[in-house]
PDB file of N, CA and C in Angstrom:
ATOM      1  N   MET A   1      98.196  99.623 112.092  1.00  0.00           N
ATOM      2  CA  MET A   1      98.233  98.379 111.648  1.00  0.00           C
ATOM      3  C   MET A   1      98.571  97.607 112.987  1.00  0.00           C
ATOM      4  N   ALA A   2      97.667  96.332 113.032  1.00  0.00           N
ATOM      5  CA  ALA A   2      97.907  95.422 114.293  1.00  0.00           C
ATOM      6  C   ALA A   2      99.129  94.595 114.098  1.00  0.00           C
ATOM      7  N   THR A   3      99.890  94.399 115.083  1.00  0.00           N
ATOM      8  CA  THR A   3     101.101  93.616 114.737  1.00  0.00           C
ATOM      9  C   THR A   3     100.916  92.375 115.868  1.00  0.00           C
ATOM     10  N   VAL A   4     101.222  91.374 115.750  1.00  0.00           N
ATOM     11  CA  VAL A   4     101.021  90.203 116.499  1.00  0.00           C
ATOM     12  C   VAL A   4     102.744  89.374 116.607  1.00  0.00           C
ATOM     13  N   GLY A   5     103.670  89.836 117.704  1.00  0.00           N
ATOM     14  CA  GLY A   5     104.961  89.516 117.706  1.00  0.00           C
ATOM     15  C   GLY A   5     105.436  90.108 116.673  1.00  0.00           C
ATOM     16  N   SER A   6     106.415  89.455 115.555  1.00  0.00           N
ATOM     17  CA  SER A   6     107.037  90.223 114.693  1.00  0.00           C
ATOM     18  C   SER A   6     106.483  90.181 113.373  1.00  0.00           C
ATOM     19  N   SER A   7     105.118  89.623 113.249  1.00  0.00           N
ATOM     20  CA  SER A   7     104.420  89.476 111.954  1.00  0.00           C
ATOM     21  C   SER A   7     103.204  90.728 112.268  1.00  0.00           C
ATOM     22  N   CYS A   8     102.654  90.985 110.828  1.00  0.00           N
ATOM     23  CA  CYS A   8     101.795  91.828 110.810  1.00  0.00           C
ATOM     24  C   CYS A   8     100.288  91.601 110.400  1.00  0.00           C
ATOM     25  N   LEU A   9      99.291  91.972 110.721  1.00  0.00           N
ATOM     26  CA  LEU A   9      98.022  91.391 110.358  1.00  0.00           C
ATOM     27  C   LEU A   9      97.702  92.465 109.473  1.00  0.00           C
ATOM     28  N   GLY A  10      96.961  92.097 108.153  1.00  0.00           N
ATOM     29  CA  GLY A  10      97.075  93.049 107.018  1.00  0.00           C
ATOM     30  C   GLY A  10      98.389  93.467 106.352  1.00  0.00           C
ATOM     31  N   CYS A  11      99.167  92.608 106.094  1.00  0.00           N
ATOM     32  CA  CYS A  11     100.642  93.217 105.600  1.00  0.00           C
ATOM     33  C   CYS A  11     100.417  93.930 104.305  1.00  0.00           C
ATOM     34  N   PRO A  12     101.053  94.990 104.343  1.00  0.00           N
ATOM     35  CA  PRO A  12     101.052  95.730 103.239  1.00  0.00           C
ATOM     36  C   PRO A  12     101.764  95.080 101.753  1.00  0.00           C
ATOM     37  N   MET A  13     102.499  94.283 102.055  1.00  0.00           N
ATOM     38  CA  MET A  13     103.282  93.440 100.927  1.00  0.00           C
ATOM     39  C   MET A  13     102.269  92.583 100.033  1.00  0.00           C
ATOM     40  N   ASP A  14     101.328  92.100 100.946  1.00  0.00           N
ATOM     41  CA  ASP A  14     100.300  91.137 100.373  1.00  0.00           C
ATOM     42  C   ASP A  14      99.609  91.443  99.051  1.00  0.00           C
ATOM     43  N   PRO A  15      98.976  92.784  99.032  1.00  0.00           N
ATOM     44  CA  PRO A  15      98.171  93.380  97.661  1.00  0.00           C
ATOM     45  C   PRO A  15      99.528  93.594  96.606  1.00  0.00           C
ATOM     46  N   VAL A  16     100.662  93.911  97.096  1.00  0.00           N
ATOM     47  CA  VAL A  16     101.708  94.334  96.366  1.00  0.00           C
ATOM     48  C   VAL A  16     101.962  92.900  95.474  1.00  0.00           C
ATOM     49  N   LEU A  17     102.052  91.980  96.343  1.00  0.00           N
ATOM     50  CA  LEU A  17     102.686  90.924  95.970  1.00  0.00           C
ATOM     51  C   LEU A  17     101.503  90.058  94.734  1.00  0.00           C
ATOM     52  N   LYS A  18     100.327  90.045  95.153  1.00  0.00           N
ATOM     53  CA  LYS A  18      99.237  89.766  94.391  1.00  0.00           C
ATOM     54  C   LYS A  18      99.100  90.324  93.086  1.00  0.00           C
ATOM     55  N   ALA A  19      99.422  91.302  93.527  1.00  0.00           N
ATOM     56  CA  ALA A  19      99.597  92.188  91.900  1.00  0.00           C
ATOM     57  C   ALA A  19     100.649  92.116  90.899  1.00  0.00           C
ATOM     58  N   VAL A  20     101.840  91.486  91.653  1.00  0.00           N
ATOM     59  CA  VAL A  20     102.973  91.332  90.281  1.00  0.00           C
ATOM     60  C   VAL A  20     103.164  89.493  90.370  1.00  0.00           C
ATOM     61  N   THR A  21     102.635  89.017  90.892  1.00  0.00           N
ATOM     62  CA  THR A  21     102.934  87.548  91.048  1.00  0.00           C
ATOM     63  C   THR A  21     101.804  86.805  89.943  1.00  0.00           C
ATOM     64  N   GLY A  22     101.879  85.595  89.920  1.00  0.00           N
ATOM     65  CA  GLY A  22     101.273  84.775  89.109  1.00  0.00           C
ATOM     66  C   GLY A  22     101.665  84.518  87.579  1.00  0.00           C
ATOM     67  N   ARG A  23     101.133  83.637  87.125  1.00  0.00           N
ATOM     68  CA  ARG A  23     101.509  82.959  85.732  1.00  0.00           C
ATOM     69  C   ARG A  23     102.131  83.846  84.583  1.00  0.00           C
ATOM     70  N   TRP A  24     103.226  83.991  84.562  1.00  0.00           N
ATOM     71  CA  TRP A  24     103.755  85.031  83.484  1.00  0.00           C
ATOM     72  C   TRP A  24     104.016  86.229  84.103  1.00  0.00           C
ATOM     73  N   THR A  25     103.337  86.793  84.935  1.00  0.00           N
ATOM     74  CA  THR A  25     103.311  88.355  85.600  1.00  0.00           C
ATOM     75  C   THR A  25     104.723  88.663  85.624  1.00  0.00           C
ATOM     76  N   THR A  26     105.429  87.719  86.774  1.00  0.00           N
ATOM     77  CA  THR A  26     106.707  88.089  86.882  1.00  0.00           C
ATOM     78  C   THR A  26     107.664  87.996  85.609  1.00  0.00           C
ATOM     79  N   THR A  27     107.466  87.369  84.562  1.00  0.00           N
ATOM     80  CA  THR A  27     108.393  87.128  83.599  1.00  0.00           C
ATOM     81  C   THR A  27     108.352  88.583  82.676  1.00  0.00           C
ATOM     82  N   ILE A  28     106.789  89.011  82.427  1.00  0.00           N
ATOM     83  CA  ILE A  28     106.959  90.416  81.773  1.00  0.00           C
ATOM     84  C   ILE A  28     107.328  91.132  82.480  1.00  0.00           C
ATOM     85  N   LEU A  29     107.239  91.439  83.975  1.00  0.00           N
ATOM     86  CA  LEU A  29     107.712  92.500  84.585  1.00  0.00           C
ATOM     87  C   LEU A  29     109.264  92.460  84.397  1.00  0.00           C
ATOM     88  N   TRP A  30     110.008  91.350  84.497  1.00  0.00           N
ATOM     89  CA  TRP A  30     111.267  91.374  84.147  1.00  0.00           C
ATOM     90  C   TRP A  30     111.623  91.594  82.983  1.00  0.00           C
ATOM     91  N   ASN A  31     110.701  91.093  81.840  1.00  0.00           N
ATOM     92  CA  ASN A  31     111.506  91.700  80.334  1.00  0.00           C
ATOM     93  C   ASN A  31     111.323  93.244  80.342  1.00  0.00           C
ATOM     94  N   LEU A  32     110.171  93.639  80.621  1.00  0.00           N
ATOM     95  CA  LEU A  32     110.032  95.143  80.825  1.00  0.00           C
ATOM     96  C   LEU A  32     110.775  96.254  81.789  1.00  0.00           C
ATOM     97  N   SER A  33     111.422  95.314  82.624  1.00  0.00           N
ATOM     98  CA  SER A  33     112.483  95.965  83.625  1.00  0.00           C
ATOM     99  C   SER A  33     113.700  95.900  82.928  1.00  0.00           C
ATOM    100  N   THR A  34     114.200  95.153  82.225  1.00  0.00           N
ATOM    101  CA  THR A  34     115.353  95.015  81.404  1.00  0.00           C
ATOM    102  C   THR A  34     115.559  95.399  79.765  1.00  0.00           C
ATOM    103  N   GLU A  35     114.441  95.431  79.032  1.00  0.00           N
ATOM    104  CA  GLU A  35     114.627  95.666  77.726  1.00  0.00           C
ATOM    105  C   GLU A  35     113.245  96.673  77.485  1.00  0.00           C
ATOM    106  N   SER A  36     112.666  97.395  78.290  1.00  0.00           N
ATOM    107  CA  SER A  36     111.871  98.312  77.964  1.00  0.00           C
ATOM    108  C   SER A  36     112.089  99.779  77.033  1.00  0.00           C
ATOM    109  N   PRO A  37     111.393 100.099  76.547  1.00  0.00           N
ATOM    110  CA  PRO A  37     109.774  99.537  75.952  1.00  0.00           C
ATOM    111  C   PRO A  37     109.904  98.787  75.034  1.00  0.00           C
ATOM    112  N   LEU A  38     108.709  97.793  74.930  1.00  0.00           N
ATOM    113  CA  LEU A  38     108.911  96.538  74.171  1.00  0.00           C
ATOM    114  C   LEU A  38     107.407  96.712  73.468  1.00  0.00           C
ATOM    115  N   ARG A  39     107.232  96.510  72.294  1.00  0.00           N
ATOM    116  CA  ARG A  39     105.661  96.362  71.724  1.00  0.00           C
ATOM    117  C   ARG A  39     105.305  94.724  72.006  1.00  0.00           C
ATOM    118  N   PHE A  40     104.007  94.573  71.816  1.00  0.00           N
ATOM    119  CA  PHE A  40     103.386  93.311  72.028  1.00  0.00           C
ATOM    120  C   PHE A  40     103.994  92.276  71.311  1.00  0.00           C
ATOM    121  N   GLY A  41     104.237  92.120  70.070  1.00  0.00           N
ATOM    122  CA  GLY A  41     104.952  91.462  69.663  1.00  0.00           C
ATOM    123  C   GLY A  41     106.286  90.954  69.873  1.00  0.00           C
ATOM    124  N   GLU A  42     107.159  92.005  70.138  1.00  0.00           N
ATOM    125  CA  GLU A  42     108.378  91.554  71.086  1.00  0.00           C
ATOM    126  C   GLU A  42     108.011  90.951  72.291  1.00  0.00           C
ATOM    127  N   LEU A  43     107.201  91.414  73.133  1.00  0.00           N
ATOM    128  CA  LEU A  43     106.945  90.542  74.369  1.00  0.00           C
ATOM    129  C   LEU A  43     106.634  89.159  74.101  1.00  0.00           C
ATOM    130  N   MET A  44     105.826  88.887  73.179  1.00  0.00           N
ATOM    131  CA  MET A  44     105.524  87.517  72.656  1.00  0.00           C
ATOM    132  C   MET A  44     106.737  86.582  72.378  1.00  0.00           C
ATOM    133  N   GLY A  45     107.416  87.198  71.475  1.00  0.00           N
ATOM    134  CA  GLY A  45     108.631  86.641  71.084  1.00  0.00           C
ATOM    135  C   GLY A  45     109.693  86.342  72.200  1.00  0.00           C
ATOM    136  N   LEU A  46     109.710  87.040  73.357  1.00  0.00           N
ATOM    137  CA  LEU A  46     110.747  86.637  74.379  1.00  0.00           C
ATOM    138  C   LEU A  46     109.817  85.844  75.628  1.00  0.00           C
ATOM    139  N   MET A  47     108.493  85.504  75.160  1.00  0.00           N
ATOM    140  CA  MET A  47     107.871  84.399  75.944  1.00  0.00           C
ATOM    141  C   MET A  47     107.070  83.559  74.811  1.00  0.00           C
ATOM    142  N   PRO A  48     107.500  82.531  74.319  1.00  0.00           N
ATOM    143  CA  PRO A  48     107.046  82.067  73.097  1.00  0.00           C
ATOM    144  C   PRO A  48     106.031  80.973  73.636  1.00  0.00           C
ATOM    145  N   ALA A  49     105.932  80.598  74.952  1.00  0.00           N
ATOM    146  CA  ALA A  49     104.883  79.615  75.186  1.00  0.00           C
ATOM    147  C   ALA A  49     103.578  80.284  75.888  1.00  0.00           C
ATOM    148  N   ILE A  50     103.672  81.757  75.844  1.00  0.00           N
ATOM    149  CA  ILE A  50     102.115  82.496  76.366  1.00  0.00           C
ATOM    150  C   ILE A  50     101.511  82.930  75.084  1.00  0.00           C
ATOM    151  N   SER A  51     100.373  82.611  75.494  1.00  0.00           N
ATOM    152  CA  SER A  51      99.193  82.781  74.531  1.00  0.00           C
ATOM    153  C   SER A  51      99.000  84.626  74.368  1.00  0.00           C
ATOM    154  N   ALA A  52      98.474  84.811  73.222  1.00  0.00           N
ATOM    155  CA  ALA A  52      98.357  86.535  73.204  1.00  0.00           C
ATOM    156  C   ALA A  52      97.112  86.868  74.241  1.00  0.00           C
ATOM    157  N   LYS A  53      96.080  85.904  74.407  1.00  0.00           N
ATOM    158  CA  LYS A  53      95.115  86.273  75.302  1.00  0.00           C
ATOM    159  C   LYS A  53      95.709  86.621  76.719  1.00  0.00           C
ATOM    160  N   VAL A  54      96.627  85.599  77.276  1.00  0.00           N
ATOM    161  CA  VAL A  54      97.061  85.634  78.822  1.00  0.00           C
ATOM    162  C   VAL A  54      98.237  86.754  78.647  1.00  0.00           C
ATOM    163  N   LEU A  55      99.015  87.020  77.616  1.00  0.00           N
ATOM    164  CA  LEU A  55      99.799  88.368  77.697  1.00  0.00           C
ATOM    165  C   LEU A  55      98.804  89.608  77.892  1.00  0.00           C
ATOM    166  N   THR A  56      97.853  89.675  76.973  1.00  0.00           N
ATOM    167  CA  THR A  56      96.963  90.558  76.880  1.00  0.00           C
ATOM    168  C   THR A  56      96.218  90.975  78.564  1.00  0.00           C
ATOM    169  N   ASP A  57      95.660  89.850  78.830  1.00  0.00           N
ATOM    170  CA  ASP A  57      95.028  89.847  80.231  1.00  0.00           C
ATOM    171  C   ASP A  57      96.097  90.346  81.386  1.00  0.00           C
ATOM    172  N   ARG A  58      97.373  89.901  81.453  1.00  0.00           N
ATOM    173  CA  ARG A  58      98.088  90.255  82.313  1.00  0.00           C
ATOM    174  C   ARG A  58      99.019  91.696  81.977  1.00  0.00           C
ATOM    175  N   LEU A  59      99.084  92.105  80.732  1.00  0.00           N
ATOM    176  CA  LEU A  59      99.323  93.655  80.797  1.00  0.00           C
ATOM    177  C   LEU A  59      98.294  94.690  80.958  1.00  0.00           C
ATOM    178  N   ARG A  60      96.887  94.180  80.900  1.00  0.00           N
ATOM    179  CA  ARG A  60      96.088  95.059  81.122  1.00  0.00           C
ATOM    180  C   ARG A  60      95.513  95.185  82.583  1.00  0.00           C
ATOM    181  N   MET A  61      96.036  94.179  83.431  1.00  0.00           N
ATOM    182  CA  MET A  61      95.902  94.141  84.838  1.00  0.00           C
ATOM    183  C   MET A  61      97.452  94.678  85.431  1.00  0.00           C
ATOM    184  N   LEU A  62      98.180  94.706  84.748  1.00  0.00           N
ATOM    185  CA  LEU A  62      99.505  95.450  85.363  1.00  0.00           C
ATOM    186  C   LEU A  62      99.164  97.232  84.531  1.00  0.00           C
ATOM    187  N   GLU A  63      98.702  97.089  83.819  1.00  0.00           N
ATOM    188  CA  GLU A  63      98.271  98.607  83.594  1.00  0.00           C
ATOM    189  C   GLU A  63      97.252  99.065  84.427  1.00  0.00           C
ATOM    190  N   GLN A  64      96.166  98.448  84.661  1.00  0.00           N
ATOM    191  CA  GLN A  64      95.125  98.882  85.681  1.00  0.00           C
ATOM    192  C   GLN A  64      95.783  99.144  87.365  1.00  0.00           C
ATOM    193  N   ASN A  65      96.936  98.474  87.461  1.00  0.00           N
ATOM    194  CA  ASN A  65      97.552  98.595  89.012  1.00  0.00           C
ATOM    195  C   ASN A  65      98.509  99.893  88.828  1.00  0.00           C
ATOM    196  N   GLY A  66      98.617 100.249  87.738  1.00  0.00           N
ATOM    197  CA  GLY A  66      99.519 101.450  87.594  1.00  0.00           C
ATOM    198  C   GLY A  66     101.083 101.239  87.467  1.00  0.00           C
ATOM    199  N   ILE A  67     101.329  99.660  87.295  1.00  0.00           N
ATOM    200  CA  ILE A  67     102.825  99.362  87.064  1.00  0.00           C
ATOM    201  C   ILE A  67     103.206  99.211  85.648  1.00  0.00           C
ATOM    202  N   VAL A  68     102.336  99.282  84.649  1.00  0.00           N
ATOM    203  CA  VAL A  68     102.974  99.226  82.908  1.00  0.00           C
ATOM    204  C   VAL A  68     102.016 100.322  82.525  1.00  0.00           C
ATOM    205  N   LEU A  69     102.805 101.096  81.585  1.00  0.00           N
ATOM    206  CA  LEU A  69     102.104 101.995  80.853  1.00  0.00           C
ATOM    207  C   LEU A  69     102.138 101.565  79.624  1.00  0.00           C
ATOM    208  N   ARG A  70     100.895 101.683  78.879  1.00  0.00           N
ATOM    209  CA  ARG A  70     100.564 101.273  77.376  1.00  0.00           C
ATOM    210  C   ARG A  70     100.727 102.572  76.752  1.00  0.00           C
ATOM    211  N   THR A  71     101.320 102.779  75.830  1.00  0.00           N
ATOM    212  CA  THR A  71     101.487 103.904  74.635  1.00  0.00           C
ATOM    213  C   THR A  71     101.125 103.569  73.460  1.00  0.00           C
ATOM    214  N   GLN A  72     100.115 104.253  72.809  1.00  0.00           N
ATOM    215  CA  GLN A  72      99.499 103.969  71.421  1.00  0.00           C
ATOM    216  C   GLN A  72      99.943 105.016  70.621  1.00  0.00           C
ATOM    217  N   LYS A  73     100.817 104.953  69.665  1.00  0.00           N
ATOM    218  CA  LYS A  73     100.951 105.790  68.534  1.00  0.00           C
ATOM    219  C   LYS A  73      99.815 105.818  67.411  1.00  0.00           C
ATOM    220  N   SER A  74      99.431 107.028  66.957  1.00  0.00           N
ATOM    221  CA  SER A  74      98.372 107.219  65.949  1.00  0.00           C
ATOM    222  C   SER A  74      98.880 107.089  64.577  1.00  0.00           C
ATOM    223  N   THR A  75      99.232 105.715  64.215  1.00  0.00           N
ATOM    224  CA  THR A  75      99.892 105.268  62.950  1.00  0.00           C
ATOM    225  C   THR A  75      98.843 104.192  62.558  1.00  0.00           C
ATOM    226  N   ILE A  76      99.158 104.026  61.322  1.00  0.00           N
ATOM    227  CA  ILE A  76      98.414 102.882  60.667  1.00  0.00           C
ATOM    228  C   ILE A  76      99.206 101.687  60.188  1.00  0.00           C
ATOM    229  N   PRO A  77      99.204 100.577  60.803  1.00  0.00           N
ATOM    230  CA  PRO A  77      98.532 100.239  61.946  1.00  0.00           C
ATOM    231  C   PRO A  77      98.703 100.647  62.855  1.00  0.00           C
ATOM    232  N   PRO A  78      98.255 100.946  64.368  1.00  0.00           N
ATOM    233  CA  PRO A  78      98.483 101.598  65.702  1.00  0.00           C
ATOM    234  C   PRO A  78      99.898 100.681  65.867  1.00  0.00           C
ATOM    235  N   GLU A  79     100.826 101.491  66.304  1.00  0.00           N
ATOM    236  CA  GLU A  79     101.729 101.158  67.197  1.00  0.00           C
ATOM    237  C   GLU A  79     101.646 101.015  68.705  1.00  0.00           C
ATOM    238  N   VAL A  80     101.838 100.036  69.643  1.00  0.00           N
ATOM    239  CA  VAL A  80     101.500  99.981  70.740  1.00  0.00           C
ATOM    240  C   VAL A  80     102.657  99.598  71.447  1.00  0.00           C
ATOM    241  N   SER A  81     103.145 100.211  72.471  1.00  0.00           N
ATOM    242  CA  SER A  81     104.056  99.954  73.577  1.00  0.00           C
ATOM    243  C   SER A  81     104.188  99.804  75.035  1.00  0.00           C
ATOM    244  N   TYR A  82     104.803  98.885  75.479  1.00  0.00           N
ATOM    245  CA  TYR A  82     104.726  99.031  76.838  1.00  0.00           C
ATOM    246  C   TYR A  82     106.091  99.214  77.526  1.00  0.00           C
ATOM    247  N   GLU A  83     105.979  99.630  78.696  1.00  0.00           N
ATOM    248  CA  GLU A  83     107.074  99.836  79.506  1.00  0.00           C
ATOM    249  C   GLU A  83     106.635  99.919  81.096  1.00  0.00           C
ATOM    250  N   LEU A  84     107.673 100.069  82.118  1.00  0.00           N
ATOM    251  CA  LEU A  84     107.250 100.173  83.313  1.00  0.00           C
ATOM    252  C   LEU A  84     107.022 101.594  83.842  1.00  0.00           C
ATOM    253  N   THR A  85     106.007 101.813  84.426  1.00  0.00           N
ATOM    254  CA  THR A  85     105.817 103.208  84.955  1.00  0.00           C
ATOM    255  C   THR A  85     106.643 103.427  85.965  1.00  0.00           C
ATOM    256  N   THR A  86     106.840 104.786  86.360  1.00  0.00           N
ATOM    257  CA  THR A  86     107.619 105.072  87.559  1.00  0.00           C
ATOM    258  C   THR A  86     107.439 104.127  88.917  1.00  0.00           C
ATOM    259  N   HIS A  87     106.069 103.705  89.194  1.00  0.00           N
ATOM    260  CA  HIS A  87     105.852 103.333  90.245  1.00  0.00           C
ATOM    261  C   HIS A  87     106.525 101.709  89.880  1.00  0.00           C
ATOM    262  N   GLY A  88     106.458 100.998  88.604  1.00  0.00           N
ATOM    263  CA  GLY A  88     106.752  99.780  88.144  1.00  0.00           C
ATOM    264  C   GLY A  88     108.317  99.708  88.423  1.00  0.00           C
ATOM    265  N   GLN A  89     108.970 100.669  87.816  1.00  0.00           N
ATOM    266  CA  GLN A  89     110.340 100.743  88.204  1.00  0.00           C
ATOM    267  C   GLN A  89     110.738 100.470  89.467  1.00  0.00           C
ATOM    268  N   ASP A  90     109.858 100.932  90.581  1.00  0.00           N
ATOM    269  CA  ASP A  90     110.485 100.655  91.777  1.00  0.00           C
ATOM    270  C   ASP A  90     110.693  99.246  92.194  1.00  0.00           C
ATOM    271  N   LEU A  91     109.892  98.449  91.277  1.00  0.00           N
ATOM    272  CA  LEU A  91     110.079  96.759  91.309  1.00  0.00           C
ATOM    273  C   LEU A  91     111.439  96.491  90.930  1.00  0.00           C
ATOM    274  N   HIS A  92     112.213  97.277  90.116  1.00  0.00           N
ATOM    275  CA  HIS A  92     113.509  96.855  89.711  1.00  0.00           C
ATOM    276  C   HIS A  92     114.434  95.926  90.554  1.00  0.00           C
ATOM    277  N   GLN A  93     114.854  96.626  91.703  1.00  0.00           N
ATOM    278  CA  GLN A  93     115.838  96.167  92.527  1.00  0.00           C
ATOM    279  C   GLN A  93     115.285  94.927  93.239  1.00  0.00           C
ATOM    280  N   ALA A  94     114.006  94.821  93.415  1.00  0.00           N
ATOM    281  CA  ALA A  94     113.190  93.989  93.904  1.00  0.00           C
ATOM    282  C   ALA A  94     113.647  92.467  92.860  1.00  0.00           C
ATOM    283  N   LEU A  95     113.035  92.791  91.893  1.00  0.00           N
ATOM    284  CA  LEU A  95     113.329  91.821  90.521  1.00  0.00           C
ATOM    285  C   LEU A  95     114.285  91.117  90.449  1.00  0.00           C
ATOM    286  N   ARG A  96     115.496  92.124  90.332  1.00  0.00           N
ATOM    287  CA  ARG A  96     116.896  91.914  90.146  1.00  0.00           C
ATOM    288  C   ARG A  96     117.293  90.946  91.500  1.00  0.00           C
ATOM    289  N   SER A  97     116.975  91.174  92.792  1.00  0.00           N
ATOM    290  CA  SER A  97     117.286  90.576  93.932  1.00  0.00           C
ATOM    291  C   SER A  97     116.675  88.797  93.860  1.00  0.00           C
ATOM    292  N   LEU A  98     115.341  88.715  93.680  1.00  0.00           N
ATOM    293  CA  LEU A  98     114.893  87.741  93.252  1.00  0.00           C
ATOM    294  C   LEU A  98     115.660  86.720  92.056  1.00  0.00           C
ATOM    295  N   HIS A  99     115.887  87.576  90.968  1.00  0.00           N
ATOM    296  CA  HIS A  99     116.517  86.716  90.016  1.00  0.00           C
ATOM    297  C   HIS A  99     117.974  86.050  90.385  1.00  0.00           C
ATOM    298  N   GLU A 100     118.719  87.055  91.335  1.00  0.00           N
ATOM    299  CA  GLU A 100     119.970  86.568  91.774  1.00  0.00           C
ATOM    300  C   GLU A 100     119.811  85.419  93.016  1.00  0.00           C
ATOM    301  N   VAL A 101     118.689  85.330  93.617  1.00  0.00           N
ATOM    302  CA  VAL A 101     118.319  84.409  94.353  1.00  0.00           C
ATOM    303  C   VAL A 101     117.975  83.059  93.979  1.00  0.00           C
ATOM    304  N   ALA A 102     117.200  83.222  92.410  1.00  0.00           N
ATOM    305  CA  ALA A 102     116.645  82.202  91.606  1.00  0.00           C
ATOM    306  C   ALA A 102     117.885  81.225  91.080  1.00  0.00           C
ATOM    307  N   LEU A 103     118.728  82.163  90.615  1.00  0.00           N
ATOM    308  CA  LEU A 103     119.923  81.872  90.055  1.00  0.00           C
ATOM    309  C   LEU A 103     120.945  80.987  91.137  1.00  0.00           C
ATOM    310  N   LYS A 104     121.072  81.319  92.227  1.00  0.00           N
ATOM    311  CA  LYS A 104     121.626  80.770  93.266  1.00  0.00           C
ATOM    312  C   LYS A 104     120.652  79.216  93.611  1.00  0.00           C
ATOM    313  N   TRP A 105     119.695  79.301  93.907  1.00  0.00           N
ATOM    314  CA  TRP A 105     118.961  78.114  94.340  1.00  0.00           C
ATOM    315  C   TRP A 105     119.116  77.050  93.170  1.00  0.00           C
ATOM    316  N   ASN A 106     118.963  77.613  91.850  1.00  0.00           N
ATOM    317  CA  ASN A 106     118.999  76.702  90.669  1.00  0.00           C
ATOM    318  C   ASN A 106     120.324  76.004  90.729  1.00  0.00           C
ATOM    319  N   ALA A 107     121.303  76.752  90.789  1.00  0.00           N
ATOM    320  CA  ALA A 107     122.738  76.208  90.762  1.00  0.00           C
ATOM    321  C   ALA A 107     123.000  75.027  92.240  1.00  0.00           C
ATOM    322  N   GLU A 108     122.077  75.305  93.338  1.00  0.00           N
ATOM    323  CA  GLU A 108     122.177  74.468  94.192  1.00  0.00           C
ATOM    324  C   GLU A 108     121.549  73.259  94.166  1.00  0.00           C
ATOM    325  N   GLY A 109     120.576  73.154  93.189  1.00  0.00           N
ATOM    326  CA  GLY A 109     119.637  72.161  92.762  1.00  0.00           C
ATOM    327  C   GLY A 109     118.233  72.318  93.406  1.00  0.00           C
ATOM    328  N   TRP A 110     117.776  73.283  93.587  1.00  0.00           N
ATOM    329  CA  TRP A 110     116.454  73.509  94.376  1.00  0.00           C
ATOM    330  C   TRP A 110     115.619  73.156  93.040  1.00  0.00           C
ATOM    331  N   VAL A 111     114.319  72.231  93.433  1.00  0.00           N
ATOM    332  CA  VAL A 111     113.334  71.650  92.527  1.00  0.00           C
ATOM    333  C   VAL A 111     111.987  72.745  93.153  1.00  0.00           C
ATOM    334  N   PRO A 112     111.271  73.296  92.607  1.00  0.00           N
ATOM    335  CA  PRO A 112     109.897  73.444  92.825  1.00  0.00           C
ATOM    336  C   PRO A 112     108.973  72.607  93.525  1.00  0.00           C
ATOM    337  N   GLY A 113     108.659  72.680  94.711  1.00  0.00           N
ATOM    338  CA  GLY A 113     107.799  71.754  95.229  1.00  0.00           C
ATOM    339  C   GLY A 113     108.543  70.333  95.989  1.00  0.00           C
ATOM    340  N   GLN A 114     109.952  70.555  95.734  1.00  0.00           N
ATOM    341  CA  GLN A 114     110.681  69.437  96.202  1.00  0.00           C
ATOM    342  C   GLN A 114     111.724  70.092  97.017  1.00  0.00           C
ATOM    343  N   GLY A 115     112.274  71.166  97.159  1.00  0.00           N
ATOM    344  CA  GLY A 115     113.071  71.928  98.066  1.00  0.00           C
ATOM    345  C   GLY A 115     114.465  71.685  97.323  1.00  0.00           C
ATOM    346  N   PHE A 116     115.202  71.481  98.268  1.00  0.00           N
ATOM    347  CA  PHE A 116     116.719  71.349  97.885  1.00  0.00           C
ATOM    348  C   PHE A 116     117.457  69.787  98.043  1.00  0.00           C
ATOM    349  N   PRO A 117     118.248  69.382  97.370  1.00  0.00           N
ATOM    350  CA  PRO A 117     118.758  68.078  97.650  1.00  0.00           C
ATOM    351  C   PRO A 117     119.165  67.950  99.341  1.00  0.00           C
ATOM    352  N   GLU A 118     118.903  66.496  99.790  1.00  0.00           N
ATOM    353  CA  GLU A 118     119.091  66.176 101.032  1.00  0.00           C
ATOM    354  C   GLU A 118     120.402  66.949 101.576  1.00  0.00           C
ATOM    355  N   ASP A 119     121.450  66.323 100.777  1.00  0.00           N
ATOM    356  CA  ASP A 119     122.645  66.896 101.546  1.00  0.00           C
ATOM    357  C   ASP A 119     123.037  68.560 101.671  1.00  0.00           C
ATOM    358  N   GLN A 120     122.199  69.315 100.979  1.00  0.00           N
ATOM    359  CA  GLN A 120     122.269  70.628 101.105  1.00  0.00           C
ATOM    360  C   GLN A 120     121.441  71.174 102.699  1.00  0.00           C
ATOM    361  N   VAL A 121     120.278  70.424 102.655  1.00  0.00           N
ATOM    362  CA  VAL A 121     119.684  70.581 104.129  1.00  0.00           C
ATOM    363  C   VAL A 121     120.347  70.246 105.073  1.00  0.00           C
ATOM    364  N   ALA A 122     120.650  69.062 105.087  1.00  0.00           N
ATOM    365  CA  ALA A 122     121.444  68.689 106.315  1.00  0.00           C
ATOM    366  C   ALA A 122     122.803  69.290 106.644  1.00  0.00           C
ATOM    367  N   ARG A 123     123.738  70.011 105.423  1.00  0.00           N
ATOM    368  CA  ARG A 123     124.596  70.807 105.951  1.00  0.00           C
ATOM    369  C   ARG A 123     124.319  72.050 106.527  1.00  0.00           C
ATOM    370  N   ALA A 124     122.957  72.399 106.033  1.00  0.00           N
ATOM    371  CA  ALA A 124     122.703  73.923 106.941  1.00  0.00           C
ATOM    372  C   ALA A 124     122.227  73.700 108.075  1.00  0.00           C
ATOM    373  N   ALA A 125     121.777  72.400 108.616  1.00  0.00           N
ATOM    374  CA  ALA A 125     121.372  72.342 110.038  1.00  0.00           C
ATOM    375  C   ALA A 125     122.256  71.973 111.117  1.00  0.00           C
ATOM    376  N   GLU A 126     123.622  71.637 110.308  1.00  0.00           N
ATOM    377  CA  GLU A 126     124.622  71.464 111.425  1.00  0.00           C
ATOM    378  C   GLU A 126     125.379  72.598 111.893  1.00  0.00           C
TER     379      GLU A 126
END
């Protein structure tokens, strides 16, 4: 892998971040990380603003990437549940760390697209 200074070209994190970010994707991963396995309806209940189509699309994408396991039982009606694969469970600590950062930043008044209140930024610069 080519490196320039302390950055790397073709960083191995980029494809991973693309696979686990995006609208609703981190929320799905967080829910499966903390309350797995979950059925489709249970996931919908935890995210009432998501549409069934978007949830289906995100779950399929995560399944294709080997992050989420879909299990279907041969019952009538079929019972389908979702959980993190072993590789998906590798994300648990990273998700927990990001969750802690999000709580800290929110408590400090961070606003997406606007940053931190000016007094916080000014104090950090001193």
